[in-house]
Amino acid sequence: MSEELNRNISASPRPGGELDSAVFENRKLTFPVRKSNKSRLAGKLWYWWCWFAACGLLFVVGGPSVLFLWIINRRIWLYPVALWGAKTWLQACGARVKVTGKEHLDAERAYVFASNHRSYLDTAALFRYAGKRLGLVAKKELLKAPVLGQGMGFVNIIAIDRSNPERALASMEEARRVMDAGYSFGVFVEGTRAMPGELLPFKKGAFYLALQTDKPIVPVAIKNTDWMMGKRTGVAYPGEIEIVLLPPIETAGRDVMEILVETRAAVAAELGR
């Protein structure tokens, strides 16, 4: 591995040997989780308020917009509506968003954003605040959600069935076509939401996509969403989401596992700060 890769791994404040091994072997990592100072009852009430707000936005704004734009055949016009919806939902959930690292991005280039994933908040945050016109890879189960499932294709959110290799390959081919049209793409490279404090092993799909399109990988570390609205917690709390866009990693002519490990090392080092 390159000297830069070794520097990325050693940048983490965690004990070197344990972290190095977990990064190179693509194993689960665990980090400390912040706790809210609000009660669990308040968290449960806020959790259900967040979902009430999401349903309201989907049915009051999303539904009519999807239907109207489908009728007039202007599906791409849904994109600014979706950006507004993502921002509005995050605000309704009490989430402030702080983004650092946009200076690393070239306005003339498209990227594959490879992010960790611990919360439903991550999807809206990355889609709205990555700083690029962005498509996303999402789980196939979202296709069953009313309005959301119908509107996903309008804004280049591609559902992937990881249980079916042929369909998953077809989805990544569709993502490649979207990138060829000038879009960047966001992928939650763990393949599912991690439990609070966890960084799961990375899947290879995003890295193959970057190699096939000759696009750089932007490692993305999303912080705080695990305590704000973590997986299987059933609670939500207001707070500040931190999105850290790390320096892009060039992919041309490189091995997929080398890129994966370098990306994972960068994300792990940032999460450990």
C-alpha atoms as a PDB file:
ATOM      1  CA  MET A   1       0.000   0.000   0.000  1.00  0.00           C
ATOM      2  CA  SER A   2       1.056   3.586  -0.595  1.00  0.00           C
ATOM      3  CA  GLU A   3       2.711   5.858   1.960  1.00  0.00           C
ATOM      4  CA  GLU A   4      -0.390   8.112   1.795  1.00  0.00           C
ATOM      5  CA  LEU A   5      -2.580   5.171   2.767  1.00  0.00           C
ATOM      6  CA  ASN A   6      -0.370   4.383   5.732  1.00  0.00           C
ATOM      7  CA  ARG A   7      -0.524   8.023   6.827  1.00  0.00           C
ATOM      8  CA  ASN A   8      -4.329   8.016   6.635  1.00  0.00           C
ATOM      9  CA  ILE A   9      -4.537   4.961   8.859  1.00  0.00           C
ATOM     10  CA  SER A  10      -2.055   6.243  11.407  1.00  0.00           C
ATOM     11  CA  ALA A  11      -3.933   9.556  11.623  1.00  0.00           C
ATOM     12  CA  SER A  12      -6.582   8.013  13.861  1.00  0.00           C
ATOM     13  CA  PRO A  13      -6.201   8.548  17.602  1.00  0.00           C
ATOM     14  CA  ARG A  14      -7.105   4.916  18.278  1.00  0.00           C
ATOM     15  CA  PRO A  15      -4.462   2.296  19.053  1.00  0.00           C
ATOM     16  CA  GLY A  16      -2.577   1.691  15.805  1.00  0.00           C
ATOM     17  CA  GLY A  17      -2.364  -2.105  15.772  1.00  0.00           C
ATOM     18  CA  GLU A  18      -6.068  -2.793  16.341  1.00  0.00           C
ATOM     19  CA  LEU A  19      -7.215  -0.099  13.917  1.00  0.00           C
ATOM     20  CA  ASP A  20      -4.692  -1.008  11.216  1.00  0.00           C
ATOM     21  CA  SER A  21      -5.761  -4.633  11.299  1.00  0.00           C
ATOM     22  CA  ALA A  22      -9.495  -3.851  11.200  1.00  0.00           C
ATOM     23  CA  VAL A  23      -9.038  -1.401   8.318  1.00  0.00           C
ATOM     24  CA  PHE A  24      -6.869  -3.676   6.172  1.00  0.00           C
ATOM     25  CA  GLU A  25      -9.088  -6.710   6.841  1.00  0.00           C
ATOM     26  CA  ASN A  26     -12.271  -4.664   6.291  1.00  0.00           C
ATOM     27  CA  ARG A  27     -13.731  -5.633   9.677  1.00  0.00           C
ATOM     28  CA  LYS A  28     -16.218  -3.804  11.879  1.00  0.00           C
ATOM     29  CA  LEU A  29     -14.892  -0.891  13.933  1.00  0.00           C
ATOM     30  CA  THR A  30     -16.520   0.605  17.026  1.00  0.00           C
ATOM     31  CA  PHE A  31     -16.215   4.191  18.264  1.00  0.00           C
ATOM     32  CA  PRO A  32     -17.571   5.949  21.372  1.00  0.00           C
ATOM     33  CA  VAL A  33     -21.148   7.239  21.101  1.00  0.00           C
ATOM     34  CA  ARG A  34     -22.229  10.575  22.486  1.00  0.00           C
ATOM     35  CA  LYS A  35     -25.305  10.603  24.723  1.00  0.00           C
ATOM     36  CA  SER A  36     -28.089  13.198  24.657  1.00  0.00           C
ATOM     37  CA  ASN A  37     -28.819  15.115  27.861  1.00  0.00           C
ATOM     38  CA  LYS A  38     -32.568  14.903  27.154  1.00  0.00           C
ATOM     39  CA  SER A  39     -34.844  12.186  28.534  1.00  0.00           C
ATOM     40  CA  ARG A  40     -35.722   9.040  26.615  1.00  0.00           C
ATOM     41  CA  LEU A  41     -39.404  10.034  26.705  1.00  0.00           C
ATOM     42  CA  ALA A  42     -38.545  13.311  25.011  1.00  0.00           C
ATOM     43  CA  GLY A  43     -36.525  11.353  22.484  1.00  0.00           C
ATOM     44  CA  LYS A  44     -39.433   9.042  21.684  1.00  0.00           C
ATOM     45  CA  LEU A  45     -41.818  11.945  21.202  1.00  0.00           C
ATOM     46  CA  TRP A  46     -39.320  13.714  18.974  1.00  0.00           C
ATOM     47  CA  TYR A  47     -38.782  10.496  16.981  1.00  0.00           C
ATOM     48  CA  TRP A  48     -42.460  10.246  16.140  1.00  0.00           C
ATOM     49  CA  TRP A  49     -42.599  13.969  15.332  1.00  0.00           C
ATOM     50  CA  CYS A  50     -39.803  13.441  12.785  1.00  0.00           C
ATOM     51  CA  TRP A  51     -41.770  10.690  11.061  1.00  0.00           C
ATOM     52  CA  PHE A  52     -44.967  12.742  11.155  1.00  0.00           C
ATOM     53  CA  ALA A  53     -43.073  15.574   9.435  1.00  0.00           C
ATOM     54  CA  ALA A  54     -41.673  13.165   6.847  1.00  0.00           C
ATOM     55  CA  CYS A  55     -45.137  11.787   6.032  1.00  0.00           C
ATOM     56  CA  GLY A  56     -46.563  15.289   5.798  1.00  0.00           C
ATOM     57  CA  LEU A  57     -43.896  16.394   3.332  1.00  0.00           C
ATOM     58  CA  LEU A  58     -44.263  13.242   1.239  1.00  0.00           C
ATOM     59  CA  PHE A  59     -48.034  13.341   0.923  1.00  0.00           C
ATOM     60  CA  VAL A  60     -48.715  17.097   0.934  1.00  0.00           C
ATOM     61  CA  VAL A  61     -45.798  18.194  -1.283  1.00  0.00           C
ATOM     62  CA  GLY A  62     -44.204  15.071  -2.764  1.00  0.00           C
ATOM     63  CA  GLY A  63     -47.328  13.305  -3.991  1.00  0.00           C
ATOM     64  CA  PRO A  64     -48.826  16.185  -6.002  1.00  0.00           C
ATOM     65  CA  SER A  65     -45.366  17.100  -7.365  1.00  0.00           C
ATOM     66  CA  VAL A  66     -44.642  13.566  -8.580  1.00  0.00           C
ATOM     67  CA  LEU A  67     -48.062  13.259 -10.211  1.00  0.00           C
ATOM     68  CA  PHE A  68     -47.933  16.663 -11.914  1.00  0.00           C
ATOM     69  CA  LEU A  69     -44.389  16.231 -13.243  1.00  0.00           C
ATOM     70  CA  TRP A  70     -45.208  12.730 -14.465  1.00  0.00           C
ATOM     71  CA  ILE A  71     -48.209  14.080 -16.382  1.00  0.00           C
ATOM     72  CA  ILE A  72     -46.228  16.863 -18.073  1.00  0.00           C
ATOM     73  CA  ASN A  73     -43.182  14.586 -18.546  1.00  0.00           C
ATOM     74  CA  ARG A  74     -40.757  16.862 -16.685  1.00  0.00           C
ATOM     75  CA  ARG A  75     -39.505  14.408 -14.098  1.00  0.00           C
ATOM     76  CA  ILE A  76     -36.135  16.067 -13.558  1.00  0.00           C
ATOM     77  CA  TRP A  77     -37.950  19.167 -12.264  1.00  0.00           C
ATOM     78  CA  LEU A  78     -38.552  17.173  -9.089  1.00  0.00           C
ATOM     79  CA  TYR A  79     -34.884  17.617  -8.157  1.00  0.00           C
ATOM     80  CA  PRO A  80     -35.180  21.108  -6.598  1.00  0.00           C
ATOM     81  CA  VAL A  81     -38.365  20.003  -4.820  1.00  0.00           C
ATOM     82  CA  ALA A  82     -36.468  17.015  -3.382  1.00  0.00           C
ATOM     83  CA  LEU A  83     -33.599  19.259  -2.247  1.00  0.00           C
ATOM     84  CA  TRP A  84     -36.086  21.547  -0.508  1.00  0.00           C
ATOM     85  CA  GLY A  85     -37.845  18.562   1.039  1.00  0.00           C
ATOM     86  CA  ALA A  86     -34.601  17.102   2.402  1.00  0.00           C
ATOM     87  CA  LYS A  87     -33.592  20.436   3.938  1.00  0.00           C
ATOM     88  CA  THR A  88     -37.063  21.053   5.379  1.00  0.00           C
ATOM     89  CA  TRP A  89     -37.267  17.590   6.947  1.00  0.00           C
ATOM     90  CA  LEU A  90     -33.857  17.966   8.582  1.00  0.00           C
ATOM     91  CA  GLN A  91     -34.908  21.344   9.967  1.00  0.00           C
ATOM     92  CA  ALA A  92     -38.167  19.832  11.252  1.00  0.00           C
ATOM     93  CA  CYS A  93     -36.087  17.186  13.054  1.00  0.00           C
ATOM     94  CA  GLY A  94     -34.021  19.892  14.705  1.00  0.00           C
ATOM     95  CA  ALA A  95     -30.920  18.953  12.713  1.00  0.00           C
ATOM     96  CA  ARG A  96     -28.400  21.636  11.899  1.00  0.00           C
ATOM     97  CA  VAL A  97     -25.858  20.640   9.256  1.00  0.00           C
ATOM     98  CA  LYS A  98     -22.195  21.623   9.234  1.00  0.00           C
ATOM     99  CA  VAL A  99     -20.204  20.701   6.110  1.00  0.00           C
ATOM    100  CA  THR A 100     -16.424  20.888   5.881  1.00  0.00           C
ATOM    101  CA  GLY A 101     -14.124  19.959   3.009  1.00  0.00           C
ATOM    102  CA  LYS A 102     -15.973  21.443   0.039  1.00  0.00           C
ATOM    103  CA  GLU A 103     -12.726  23.142  -0.905  1.00  0.00           C
ATOM    104  CA  HIS A 104     -11.437  19.711  -1.969  1.00  0.00           C
ATOM    105  CA  LEU A 105     -14.012  19.464  -4.774  1.00  0.00           C
ATOM    106  CA  ASP A 106     -13.481  20.619  -8.343  1.00  0.00           C
ATOM    107  CA  ALA A 107     -16.605  22.279  -9.748  1.00  0.00           C
ATOM    108  CA  GLU A 108     -15.898  20.724 -13.166  1.00  0.00           C
ATOM    109  CA  ARG A 109     -15.587  17.110 -11.995  1.00  0.00           C
ATOM    110  CA  ALA A 110     -18.020  14.410 -10.921  1.00  0.00           C
ATOM    111  CA  TYR A 111     -17.239  12.156  -7.961  1.00  0.00           C
ATOM    112  CA  VAL A 112     -18.354   9.014  -6.191  1.00  0.00           C
ATOM    113  CA  PHE A 113     -19.082   9.997  -2.585  1.00  0.00           C
ATOM    114  CA  ALA A 114     -18.402   6.989  -0.316  1.00  0.00           C
ATOM    115  CA  SER A 115     -20.061   7.577   3.053  1.00  0.00           C
ATOM    116  CA  ASN A 116     -20.642   5.799   6.329  1.00  0.00           C
ATOM    117  CA  HIS A 117     -24.292   5.293   7.325  1.00  0.00           C
ATOM    118  CA  ARG A 118     -25.788   5.216  10.840  1.00  0.00           C
ATOM    119  CA  SER A 119     -29.163   6.950  10.531  1.00  0.00           C
ATOM    120  CA  TYR A 120     -32.094   7.824   8.282  1.00  0.00           C
ATOM    121  CA  LEU A 121     -30.876  11.405   8.621  1.00  0.00           C
ATOM    122  CA  ASP A 122     -27.753  10.565   6.594  1.00  0.00           C
ATOM    123  CA  THR A 123     -29.596  10.156   3.296  1.00  0.00           C
ATOM    124  CA  ALA A 124     -31.282  13.558   3.395  1.00  0.00           C
ATOM    125  CA  ALA A 125     -28.099  15.229   4.659  1.00  0.00           C
ATOM    126  CA  LEU A 126     -25.796  13.803   1.983  1.00  0.00           C
ATOM    127  CA  PHE A 127     -28.317  14.393  -0.813  1.00  0.00           C
ATOM    128  CA  ARG A 128     -28.866  18.028   0.172  1.00  0.00           C
ATOM    129  CA  TYR A 129     -25.437  19.126   1.392  1.00  0.00           C
ATOM    130  CA  ALA A 130     -22.765  17.239  -0.591  1.00  0.00           C
ATOM    131  CA  GLY A 131     -22.281  20.283  -2.792  1.00  0.00           C
ATOM    132  CA  LYS A 132     -22.854  18.413  -6.058  1.00  0.00           C
ATOM    133  CA  ARG A 133     -25.848  17.419  -8.170  1.00  0.00           C
ATOM    134  CA  LEU A 134     -26.095  13.974  -6.707  1.00  0.00           C
ATOM    135  CA  GLY A 135     -27.701  10.622  -7.404  1.00  0.00           C
ATOM    136  CA  LEU A 136     -27.884   8.017  -4.651  1.00  0.00           C
ATOM    137  CA  VAL A 137     -27.909   4.248  -4.273  1.00  0.00           C
ATOM    138  CA  ALA A 138     -30.691   3.103  -1.930  1.00  0.00           C
ATOM    139  CA  LYS A 139     -32.158  -0.158  -0.648  1.00  0.00           C
ATOM    140  CA  LYS A 140     -34.822  -1.800  -2.824  1.00  0.00           C
ATOM    141  CA  GLU A 141     -37.268  -1.755   0.096  1.00  0.00           C
ATOM    142  CA  LEU A 142     -37.687   2.001  -0.400  1.00  0.00           C
ATOM    143  CA  LEU A 143     -39.452   1.311  -3.700  1.00  0.00           C
ATOM    144  CA  LYS A 144     -42.421   0.070  -1.647  1.00  0.00           C
ATOM    145  CA  ALA A 145     -42.783   3.379   0.210  1.00  0.00           C
ATOM    146  CA  PRO A 146     -45.742   5.417  -1.074  1.00  0.00           C
ATOM    147  CA  VAL A 147     -44.723   8.511  -3.075  1.00  0.00           C
ATOM    148  CA  LEU A 148     -41.045   8.068  -2.153  1.00  0.00           C
ATOM    149  CA  GLY A 149     -40.787   4.891  -4.210  1.00  0.00           C
ATOM    150  CA  GLN A 150     -42.430   6.513  -7.212  1.00  0.00           C
ATOM    151  CA  GLY A 151     -40.295   9.642  -7.015  1.00  0.00           C
ATOM    152  CA  MET A 152     -36.893   8.005  -6.521  1.00  0.00           C
ATOM    153  CA  GLY A 153     -36.241   7.499 -10.220  1.00  0.00           C
ATOM    154  CA  PHE A 154     -37.145  11.124 -10.948  1.00  0.00           C
ATOM    155  CA  VAL A 155     -34.067  12.320  -9.019  1.00  0.00           C
ATOM    156  CA  ASN A 156     -31.654   9.477  -9.881  1.00  0.00           C
ATOM    157  CA  ILE A 157     -32.023   7.557  -6.638  1.00  0.00           C
ATOM    158  CA  ILE A 158     -31.401   3.983  -7.728  1.00  0.00           C
ATOM    159  CA  ALA A 159     -32.706   1.022  -5.740  1.00  0.00           C
ATOM    160  CA  ILE A 160     -30.305  -1.888  -5.430  1.00  0.00           C
ATOM    161  CA  ASP A 161     -31.211  -5.483  -4.571  1.00  0.00           C
ATOM    162  CA  ARG A 162     -28.075  -6.829  -2.917  1.00  0.00           C
ATOM    163  CA  SER A 163     -29.657 -10.264  -2.538  1.00  0.00           C
ATOM    164  CA  ASN A 164     -29.735 -10.650  -6.320  1.00  0.00           C
ATOM    165  CA  PRO A 165     -26.288 -10.220  -7.932  1.00  0.00           C
ATOM    166  CA  GLU A 166     -27.695  -9.769 -11.448  1.00  0.00           C
ATOM    167  CA  ARG A 167     -30.122  -7.033 -10.394  1.00  0.00           C
ATOM    168  CA  ALA A 168     -27.449  -5.370  -8.270  1.00  0.00           C
ATOM    169  CA  LEU A 169     -25.133  -5.326 -11.288  1.00  0.00           C
ATOM    170  CA  ALA A 170     -27.893  -3.823 -13.446  1.00  0.00           C
ATOM    171  CA  SER A 171     -28.442  -1.103 -10.819  1.00  0.00           C
ATOM    172  CA  MET A 172     -24.757  -0.195 -10.787  1.00  0.00           C
ATOM    173  CA  GLU A 173     -24.811  -0.068 -14.596  1.00  0.00           C
ATOM    174  CA  GLU A 174     -27.684   2.398 -14.361  1.00  0.00           C
ATOM    175  CA  ALA A 175     -25.635   4.434 -11.892  1.00  0.00           C
ATOM    176  CA  ARG A 176     -22.777   4.448 -14.385  1.00  0.00           C
ATOM    177  CA  ARG A 177     -25.071   5.893 -17.057  1.00  0.00           C
ATOM    178  CA  VAL A 178     -26.191   8.621 -14.645  1.00  0.00           C
ATOM    179  CA  MET A 179     -22.554   9.524 -13.946  1.00  0.00           C
ATOM    180  CA  ASP A 180     -21.785   9.570 -17.657  1.00  0.00           C
ATOM    181  CA  ALA A 181     -24.478  12.253 -17.911  1.00  0.00           C
ATOM    182  CA  GLY A 182     -22.491  14.455 -15.520  1.00  0.00           C
ATOM    183  CA  TYR A 183     -23.934  13.610 -12.107  1.00  0.00           C
ATOM    184  CA  SER A 184     -21.954  12.658  -9.043  1.00  0.00           C
ATOM    185  CA  PHE A 185     -23.127   9.652  -7.057  1.00  0.00           C
ATOM    186  CA  GLY A 186     -23.465   9.011  -3.343  1.00  0.00           C
ATOM    187  CA  VAL A 187     -23.130   5.488  -1.983  1.00  0.00           C
ATOM    188  CA  PHE A 188     -23.427   4.322   1.623  1.00  0.00           C
ATOM    189  CA  VAL A 189     -20.619   1.837   1.305  1.00  0.00           C
ATOM    190  CA  GLU A 190     -21.494  -0.304   4.337  1.00  0.00           C
ATOM    191  CA  GLY A 191     -24.607  -1.457   2.465  1.00  0.00           C
ATOM    192  CA  THR A 192     -26.920  -0.847   5.438  1.00  0.00           C
ATOM    193  CA  ARG A 193     -27.219   1.369   8.489  1.00  0.00           C
ATOM    194  CA  ALA A 194     -24.716   0.565  11.204  1.00  0.00           C
ATOM    195  CA  MET A 195     -25.582   0.532  14.874  1.00  0.00           C
ATOM    196  CA  PRO A 196     -24.553   3.633  16.872  1.00  0.00           C
ATOM    197  CA  GLY A 197     -20.772   3.970  17.018  1.00  0.00           C
ATOM    198  CA  GLU A 198     -20.093   1.304  14.399  1.00  0.00           C
ATOM    199  CA  LEU A 199     -18.314   1.359  11.055  1.00  0.00           C
ATOM    200  CA  LEU A 200     -19.209  -1.824   9.185  1.00  0.00           C
ATOM    201  CA  PRO A 201     -17.175  -3.565   6.454  1.00  0.00           C
ATOM    202  CA  PHE A 202     -17.361  -1.758   3.112  1.00  0.00           C
ATOM    203  CA  LYS A 203     -18.997  -3.241   0.015  1.00  0.00           C
ATOM    204  CA  LYS A 204     -17.113  -3.012  -3.278  1.00  0.00           C
ATOM    205  CA  GLY A 205     -19.860  -1.628  -5.531  1.00  0.00           C
ATOM    206  CA  ALA A 206     -18.989   2.062  -5.141  1.00  0.00           C
ATOM    207  CA  PHE A 207     -15.344   1.400  -5.884  1.00  0.00           C
ATOM    208  CA  TYR A 208     -16.106  -0.585  -9.031  1.00  0.00           C
ATOM    209  CA  LEU A 209     -18.392   2.272 -10.092  1.00  0.00           C
ATOM    210  CA  ALA A 210     -15.548   4.768  -9.626  1.00  0.00           C
ATOM    211  CA  LEU A 211     -13.154   2.570 -11.609  1.00  0.00           C
ATOM    212  CA  GLN A 212     -15.639   2.012 -14.446  1.00  0.00           C
ATOM    213  CA  THR A 213     -16.351   5.732 -14.775  1.00  0.00           C
ATOM    214  CA  ASP A 214     -12.768   6.854 -14.061  1.00  0.00           C
ATOM    215  CA  LYS A 215     -14.020   9.137 -11.296  1.00  0.00           C
ATOM    216  CA  PRO A 216     -12.356   9.926  -7.950  1.00  0.00           C
ATOM    217  CA  ILE A 217     -13.743   8.661  -4.663  1.00  0.00           C
ATOM    218  CA  VAL A 218     -14.595  11.266  -2.023  1.00  0.00           C
ATOM    219  CA  PRO A 219     -14.527   9.633   1.440  1.00  0.00           C
ATOM    220  CA  VAL A 220     -17.334  11.077   3.561  1.00  0.00           C
ATOM    221  CA  ALA A 221     -17.591  10.870   7.347  1.00  0.00           C
ATOM    222  CA  ILE A 222     -21.046  11.694   8.731  1.00  0.00           C
ATOM    223  CA  LYS A 223     -20.972  12.304  12.475  1.00  0.00           C
ATOM    224  CA  ASN A 224     -23.541  12.589  15.281  1.00  0.00           C
ATOM    225  CA  THR A 225     -26.513  11.092  13.443  1.00  0.00           C
ATOM    226  CA  ASP A 226     -26.135   7.874  15.448  1.00  0.00           C
ATOM    227  CA  TRP A 227     -27.088   9.574  18.726  1.00  0.00           C
ATOM    228  CA  MET A 228     -29.540  11.947  17.038  1.00  0.00           C
ATOM    229  CA  MET A 229     -31.587   9.176  15.365  1.00  0.00           C
ATOM    230  CA  GLY A 230     -29.676   5.916  15.574  1.00  0.00           C
ATOM    231  CA  LYS A 231     -30.637   2.514  14.227  1.00  0.00           C
ATOM    232  CA  ARG A 232     -33.022   0.538  16.501  1.00  0.00           C
ATOM    233  CA  THR A 233     -32.949   3.228  19.194  1.00  0.00           C
ATOM    234  CA  GLY A 234     -36.534   4.417  18.691  1.00  0.00           C
ATOM    235  CA  VAL A 235     -35.537   7.929  19.787  1.00  0.00           C
ATOM    236  CA  ALA A 236     -34.479  11.150  18.087  1.00  0.00           C
ATOM    237  CA  TYR A 237     -32.887  14.335  19.386  1.00  0.00           C
ATOM    238  CA  PRO A 238     -32.071  17.739  17.888  1.00  0.00           C
ATOM    239  CA  GLY A 239     -28.393  18.350  17.219  1.00  0.00           C
ATOM    240  CA  GLU A 240     -25.717  19.191  14.675  1.00  0.00           C
ATOM    241  CA  ILE A 241     -24.862  16.789  11.875  1.00  0.00           C
ATOM    242  CA  GLU A 242     -21.235  17.030  10.782  1.00  0.00           C
ATOM    243  CA  ILE A 243     -20.466  16.064   7.190  1.00  0.00           C
ATOM    244  CA  VAL A 244     -16.740  15.898   6.500  1.00  0.00           C
ATOM    245  CA  LEU A 245     -15.760  15.679   2.826  1.00  0.00           C
ATOM    246  CA  LEU A 246     -12.243  14.272   2.810  1.00  0.00           C
ATOM    247  CA  PRO A 247      -9.686  14.775   0.002  1.00  0.00           C
ATOM    248  CA  PRO A 248     -10.629  12.855  -3.183  1.00  0.00           C
ATOM    249  CA  ILE A 249      -8.835   9.604  -3.954  1.00  0.00           C
ATOM    250  CA  GLU A 250      -7.881   9.062  -7.590  1.00  0.00           C
ATOM    251  CA  THR A 251      -8.868   5.645  -8.901  1.00  0.00           C
ATOM    252  CA  ALA A 252      -7.470   5.303 -12.426  1.00  0.00           C
ATOM    253  CA  GLY A 253      -5.376   2.141 -12.872  1.00  0.00           C
ATOM    254  CA  ARG A 254      -5.634   1.081  -9.221  1.00  0.00           C
ATOM    255  CA  ASP A 255      -6.785  -2.110  -7.525  1.00  0.00           C
ATOM    256  CA  VAL A 256     -10.301  -2.018  -6.074  1.00  0.00           C
ATOM    257  CA  MET A 257      -9.220  -3.290  -2.645  1.00  0.00           C
ATOM    258  CA  GLU A 258      -6.445  -0.723  -2.413  1.00  0.00           C
ATOM    259  CA  ILE A 259      -8.983   2.047  -3.050  1.00  0.00           C
ATOM    260  CA  LEU A 260     -11.441   0.519  -0.587  1.00  0.00           C
ATOM    261  CA  VAL A 261      -8.862   0.278   2.190  1.00  0.00           C
ATOM    262  CA  GLU A 262      -7.598   3.817   1.611  1.00  0.00           C
ATOM    263  CA  THR A 263     -11.158   5.164   1.689  1.00  0.00           C
ATOM    264  CA  ARG A 264     -11.994   3.168   4.804  1.00  0.00           C
ATOM    265  CA  ALA A 265      -8.841   4.380   6.537  1.00  0.00           C
ATOM    266  CA  ALA A 266      -9.737   8.012   5.814  1.00  0.00           C
ATOM    267  CA  VAL A 267     -13.310   7.633   7.085  1.00  0.00           C
ATOM    268  CA  ALA A 268     -12.234   5.684  10.174  1.00  0.00           C
ATOM    269  CA  ALA A 269      -9.577   8.255  11.048  1.00  0.00           C
ATOM    270  CA  GLU A 270     -12.126  11.077  10.836  1.00  0.00           C
ATOM    271  CA  LEU A 271     -14.744   9.226  12.881  1.00  0.00           C
ATOM    272  CA  GLY A 272     -12.107   8.619  15.548  1.00  0.00           C
ATOM    273  CA  ARG A 273     -11.304  12.305  16.000  1.00  0.00           C
END
